[in-house]
């Protein structure tokens, strides 16, 4: 397959991103059909271009919260706004349009292992393509170039034709980041993106996300449970415990006592990730 020749950006940086969006949750609660209440009256605002850590233990509600932002989890009460859109109550085409501008990175990568790296990243362009192109898997020259630039931005251009299943965990997560970037998103959500990675790779992936935030001005929310990663790579921290917001402030200034309040227990070795 012929791919377009990539032209360098002025100044050697990344291609321009979409205008970043703010995020606002107003008195948001989520009750699952099982009866479990995952969020309880959570209110917060994320300014455009902020990089925020959402910290909490498993079951704290952080995955639920981040998934309300792109409508993967409907809210029981309250309102979620992302950019100019009220996500609450959206469905069908309107919801797909919002999701097209919200990149999502998962803990387990969600790649098609038998497909090439390039094919996986091109999936991020589907929401911006005509229906017939999506159905046939046909990409135009602009989509191809955006996919290649996204791979280049995370240092994976040399793996473009490899099968995704042959990559290491860190490489797979970088491909997942490139796939999200190929959407040209206004918001990037990352749900425990380093939970299955070794410490050096986890730091490298968090460094990629911070660099994307700084160079593109992209609004980034990252779910974490590790103290040192939150402190080192993000500027603001949201702490959730049993579905309630218990901390909202500087990540760098968060004390061990603050983390113990978020965790609801004393700090343990597994709460830190050493290099």
Protein backbone atom coordinates (compact mmCIF):
# COMPACT_ATOMS: atom_id res chain seq x y z
CA UNK A 1 0.00 0.00 0.00
CA UNK A 2 1.30 3.45 -0.91
CA UNK A 3 1.35 5.94 1.94
CA UNK A 4 1.73 9.70 1.61
CA UNK A 5 5.12 11.25 2.20
CA UNK A 6 5.05 13.01 5.55
CA UNK A 7 6.09 16.65 5.43
CA UNK A 8 7.75 18.11 8.51
CA UNK A 9 5.71 20.47 10.64
CA UNK A 10 6.85 24.04 11.07
CA UNK A 11 9.11 24.07 14.11
CA UNK A 12 9.41 20.28 14.06
CA UNK A 13 6.53 19.70 16.47
CA UNK A 14 3.33 17.71 16.30
CA UNK A 15 0.55 18.62 13.91
CA UNK A 16 -2.02 21.05 15.25
CA UNK A 17 -4.73 19.58 17.43
CA UNK A 18 -8.39 20.45 17.65
CA UNK A 19 -9.32 23.22 20.07
CA UNK A 20 -9.36 21.56 23.51
CA UNK A 21 -12.69 21.22 25.28
CA UNK A 22 -13.62 21.80 28.92
CA UNK A 23 -15.42 19.09 30.89
CA UNK A 24 -18.07 19.71 33.52
CA UNK A 25 -19.90 17.29 35.81
CA UNK A 26 -22.76 18.72 37.86
CA UNK A 27 -24.17 16.57 40.72
CA UNK A 28 -23.51 13.37 38.78
CA UNK A 29 -24.60 10.05 40.26
CA UNK A 30 -24.49 6.61 38.66
CA UNK A 31 -26.44 3.61 39.89
CA UNK A 32 -25.94 0.37 37.98
CA UNK A 33 -28.83 -2.06 37.36
CA UNK A 34 -27.31 -4.32 40.03
CA UNK A 35 -28.01 -1.59 42.58
CA UNK A 36 -24.37 -0.60 43.04
CA UNK A 37 -23.97 3.17 43.35
CA UNK A 38 -20.68 3.98 41.60
CA UNK A 39 -20.81 7.79 41.75
CA UNK A 40 -22.50 10.00 44.32
CA UNK A 41 -23.20 13.68 43.55
CA UNK A 42 -19.85 14.39 41.87
CA UNK A 43 -19.34 17.96 40.65
CA UNK A 44 -16.17 19.29 39.03
CA UNK A 45 -14.93 21.35 36.10
CA UNK A 46 -11.86 20.64 33.98
CA UNK A 47 -10.50 23.62 32.08
CA UNK A 48 -9.41 23.23 28.44
CA UNK A 49 -5.83 21.95 28.19
CA UNK A 50 -5.50 20.69 31.77
CA UNK A 51 -3.87 17.32 32.51
CA UNK A 52 -5.56 15.73 35.51
CA UNK A 53 -5.05 12.51 37.45
CA UNK A 54 -8.19 10.80 38.73
CA UNK A 55 -6.96 8.77 41.70
CA UNK A 56 -8.69 6.03 43.65
CA UNK A 57 -8.62 2.34 44.45
CA UNK A 58 -10.48 -0.28 42.46
CA UNK A 59 -14.19 0.29 43.00
CA UNK A 60 -13.76 3.98 43.86
CA UNK A 61 -15.75 5.08 40.80
CA UNK A 62 -12.92 6.51 38.71
CA UNK A 63 -13.53 4.26 35.68
CA UNK A 64 -17.25 4.98 35.88
CA UNK A 65 -16.62 8.71 36.06
CA UNK A 66 -14.29 8.83 33.07
CA UNK A 67 -16.76 6.78 31.02
CA UNK A 68 -19.62 9.16 31.71
CA UNK A 69 -17.65 11.79 29.81
CA UNK A 70 -18.01 10.00 26.46
CA UNK A 71 -21.36 8.42 27.26
CA UNK A 72 -20.09 4.86 27.68
CA UNK A 73 -21.81 4.89 31.07
CA UNK A 74 -25.13 6.78 31.31
CA UNK A 75 -25.69 8.89 34.41
CA UNK A 76 -28.60 8.23 36.75
CA UNK A 77 -28.85 11.88 37.73
CA UNK A 78 -26.95 15.09 37.14
CA UNK A 79 -25.43 16.54 33.99
CA UNK A 80 -22.24 15.92 32.01
CA UNK A 81 -21.04 18.55 29.54
CA UNK A 82 -18.05 18.13 27.22
CA UNK A 83 -17.12 21.17 25.16
CA UNK A 84 -20.34 22.53 23.62
CA UNK A 85 -22.23 19.26 24.14
CA UNK A 86 -24.47 18.05 26.94
CA UNK A 87 -23.62 14.35 26.87
CA UNK A 88 -26.42 13.42 29.27
CA UNK A 89 -29.26 11.90 27.29
CA UNK A 90 -27.44 11.82 23.94
CA UNK A 91 -27.77 8.74 21.74
CA UNK A 92 -27.34 7.60 18.17
CA UNK A 93 -25.58 9.90 15.73
CA UNK A 94 -25.28 12.79 18.19
CA UNK A 95 -23.45 10.64 20.70
CA UNK A 96 -21.20 9.17 17.99
CA UNK A 97 -20.23 12.70 16.95
CA UNK A 98 -19.16 13.54 20.50
CA UNK A 99 -17.19 10.31 20.81
CA UNK A 100 -15.43 11.16 17.57
CA UNK A 101 -13.83 14.10 19.39
CA UNK A 102 -13.03 12.23 22.63
CA UNK A 103 -10.02 9.89 22.44
CA UNK A 104 -10.09 6.87 24.77
CA UNK A 105 -7.17 4.73 25.94
CA UNK A 106 -7.83 1.50 27.84
CA UNK A 107 -5.79 -0.56 30.29
CA UNK A 108 -5.79 -3.61 28.00
CA UNK A 109 -5.14 -1.64 24.79
CA UNK A 110 -8.22 -2.94 22.85
CA UNK A 111 -6.21 -3.54 19.67
CA UNK A 112 -6.97 -6.01 16.89
CA UNK A 113 -3.96 -8.30 17.33
CA UNK A 114 -4.15 -9.83 13.86
CA UNK A 115 -4.27 -6.45 12.13
CA UNK A 116 -1.24 -4.27 11.43
CA UNK A 117 -0.27 -1.33 13.58
CA UNK A 118 -1.31 0.97 10.74
CA UNK A 119 -4.76 -0.63 10.42
CA UNK A 120 -5.31 -0.30 14.16
CA UNK A 121 -4.44 3.39 14.16
CA UNK A 122 -6.59 4.07 11.11
CA UNK A 123 -9.63 2.96 13.13
CA UNK A 124 -9.42 6.33 14.86
CA UNK A 125 -10.37 8.01 11.58
CA UNK A 126 -13.62 6.08 11.11
CA UNK A 127 -15.78 8.60 12.94
CA UNK A 128 -14.55 11.31 10.55
CA UNK A 129 -15.00 9.30 7.36
CA UNK A 130 -17.92 8.78 5.03
CA UNK A 131 -20.00 5.71 5.86
CA UNK A 132 -19.04 3.84 2.69
CA UNK A 133 -15.33 4.36 3.41
CA UNK A 134 -15.78 3.03 6.92
CA UNK A 135 -17.70 -0.03 5.73
CA UNK A 136 -15.07 -0.86 3.10
CA UNK A 137 -12.07 0.06 5.22
CA UNK A 138 -10.92 2.57 2.58
CA UNK A 139 -8.91 5.57 3.76
CA UNK A 140 -8.20 8.72 1.79
CA UNK A 141 -4.77 10.35 1.66
CA UNK A 142 -5.52 12.76 4.52
CA UNK A 143 -6.62 9.95 6.84
CA UNK A 144 -3.48 7.99 5.97
CA UNK A 145 -1.24 10.94 6.72
CA UNK A 146 -2.95 11.69 10.02
CA UNK A 147 -2.50 8.04 11.08
CA UNK A 148 1.18 8.11 10.14
CA UNK A 149 1.77 11.37 12.00
CA UNK A 150 0.08 9.94 15.08
CA UNK A 151 2.40 6.92 14.98
CA UNK A 152 5.42 9.16 14.50
CA UNK A 153 4.42 11.29 17.51
CA UNK A 154 4.68 8.25 19.82
CA UNK A 155 7.81 6.79 18.22
CA UNK A 156 6.08 3.84 16.54
CA UNK A 157 6.49 4.69 12.86
CA UNK A 158 9.05 1.91 12.37
CA UNK A 159 6.47 -0.69 13.49
CA UNK A 160 3.77 0.44 11.05
CA UNK A 161 3.39 -2.90 9.21
CA UNK A 162 3.91 -5.23 12.16
CA UNK A 163 0.99 -7.20 13.55
CA UNK A 164 -0.24 -5.57 16.73
CA UNK A 165 -0.21 -8.92 18.51
CA UNK A 166 3.57 -9.14 18.11
CA UNK A 167 4.24 -5.95 20.08
CA UNK A 168 5.24 -5.57 23.71
CA UNK A 169 2.77 -4.15 26.21
CA UNK A 170 4.36 -0.70 26.10
CA UNK A 171 4.36 -0.68 22.31
CA UNK A 172 0.70 -1.71 22.25
CA UNK A 173 -0.21 1.15 24.55
CA UNK A 174 1.67 3.59 22.33
CA UNK A 175 -0.30 2.30 19.33
CA UNK A 176 -3.49 2.80 21.34
CA UNK A 177 -2.43 6.39 22.06
CA UNK A 178 -1.72 6.93 18.35
CA UNK A 179 -5.16 5.54 17.49
CA UNK A 180 -6.78 8.02 19.87
CA UNK A 181 -4.64 10.87 18.48
CA UNK A 182 -5.70 10.02 14.93
CA UNK A 183 -9.21 11.13 15.93
CA UNK A 184 -7.79 14.66 16.29
CA UNK A 185 -9.55 14.75 19.66
CA UNK A 186 -10.47 17.71 21.82
CA UNK A 187 -10.30 15.53 24.96
CA UNK A 188 -8.18 12.48 25.78
CA UNK A 189 -9.35 9.97 28.41
CA UNK A 190 -7.01 7.26 29.70
CA UNK A 191 -8.42 4.52 31.94
CA UNK A 192 -5.55 2.96 33.94
CA UNK A 193 -3.21 3.13 30.91
CA UNK A 194 -0.14 1.87 32.81
CA UNK A 195 -1.69 -0.70 35.16
CA UNK A 196 -0.30 -3.69 33.21
CA UNK A 197 3.13 -2.18 32.41
CA UNK A 198 6.51 -2.46 34.13
CA UNK A 199 7.81 0.67 35.88
CA UNK A 200 10.14 2.02 33.14
CA UNK A 201 7.48 1.51 30.47
CA UNK A 202 4.80 3.06 32.68
CA UNK A 203 6.92 6.18 33.11
CA UNK A 204 7.56 6.30 29.35
CA UNK A 205 3.82 6.10 28.55
CA UNK A 206 2.99 8.76 31.13
CA UNK A 207 5.73 10.90 29.60
CA UNK A 208 4.08 10.49 26.19
CA UNK A 209 0.73 11.63 27.58
CA UNK A 210 2.27 14.66 29.29
CA UNK A 211 4.15 15.62 26.12
CA UNK A 212 0.94 15.34 24.08
CA UNK A 213 -0.82 17.54 26.63
CA UNK A 214 1.94 20.15 26.56
CA UNK A 215 2.58 20.22 22.80
CA UNK A 216 -1.01 19.93 21.62
CA UNK A 217 -2.73 21.70 24.50
CA UNK A 218 -5.05 18.70 24.71
CA UNK A 219 -7.35 18.20 27.71
CA UNK A 220 -6.19 14.93 29.32
CA UNK A 221 -7.75 12.89 32.15
CA UNK A 222 -5.80 9.86 33.39
CA UNK A 223 -7.16 7.30 35.84
CA UNK A 224 -4.42 6.15 38.23
CA UNK A 225 -3.99 4.59 41.64
CA UNK A 226 -0.24 5.25 41.94
CA UNK A 227 0.89 8.22 44.03
CA UNK A 228 4.19 9.01 42.35
CA UNK A 229 2.78 9.00 38.82
CA UNK A 230 0.01 11.40 39.79
CA UNK A 231 2.47 13.73 41.49
CA UNK A 232 5.09 13.66 38.73
CA UNK A 233 3.04 13.85 35.55
CA UNK A 234 -0.15 15.79 36.28
CA UNK A 235 -0.87 19.24 37.65
CA UNK A 236 -4.24 18.63 39.28
CA UNK A 237 -5.60 15.59 41.08
CA UNK A 238 -9.16 14.42 41.63
CA UNK A 239 -9.53 11.85 44.41
CA UNK A 240 -12.49 9.48 44.52
CA UNK A 241 -13.45 7.17 47.38
CA UNK A 242 -16.55 4.99 47.29
CA UNK A 243 -17.99 7.13 44.52
CA UNK A 244 -17.53 10.47 46.27
CA UNK A 245 -15.10 13.27 45.47
CA UNK A 246 -12.78 13.57 48.48
CA UNK A 247 -9.87 15.56 47.01
CA UNK A 248 -9.55 18.23 44.31
CA UNK A 249 -6.30 20.14 44.24
CA UNK A 250 -2.66 20.22 43.26
CA UNK A 251 -1.15 16.83 42.43
CA UNK A 252 2.40 17.87 43.33
CA UNK A 253 1.30 19.21 46.72
CA UNK A 254 -0.82 16.20 47.71
CA UNK A 255 0.50 14.78 50.97
CA UNK A 256 0.63 11.16 52.07
CA UNK A 257 -2.26 12.01 54.38
CA UNK A 258 -4.29 13.17 51.39
CA UNK A 259 -3.64 9.87 49.62
CA UNK A 260 -4.61 7.93 52.75
CA UNK A 261 -7.90 9.83 52.80
CA UNK A 262 -8.47 8.92 49.14
CA UNK A 263 -7.54 5.26 49.68
CA UNK A 264 -9.37 4.94 52.97
CA UNK A 265 -6.38 3.10 54.45
CA UNK A 266 -2.65 3.53 55.21
CA UNK A 267 -0.31 3.82 52.21
CA UNK A 268 1.17 0.54 50.99
CA UNK A 269 4.18 -0.27 48.79
CA UNK A 270 1.88 -1.10 45.87
CA UNK A 271 0.62 2.51 45.91
CA UNK A 272 3.97 3.66 44.51
CA UNK A 273 5.75 2.79 41.27
CA UNK A 274 9.51 3.02 41.48
CA UNK A 275 11.68 3.45 38.39
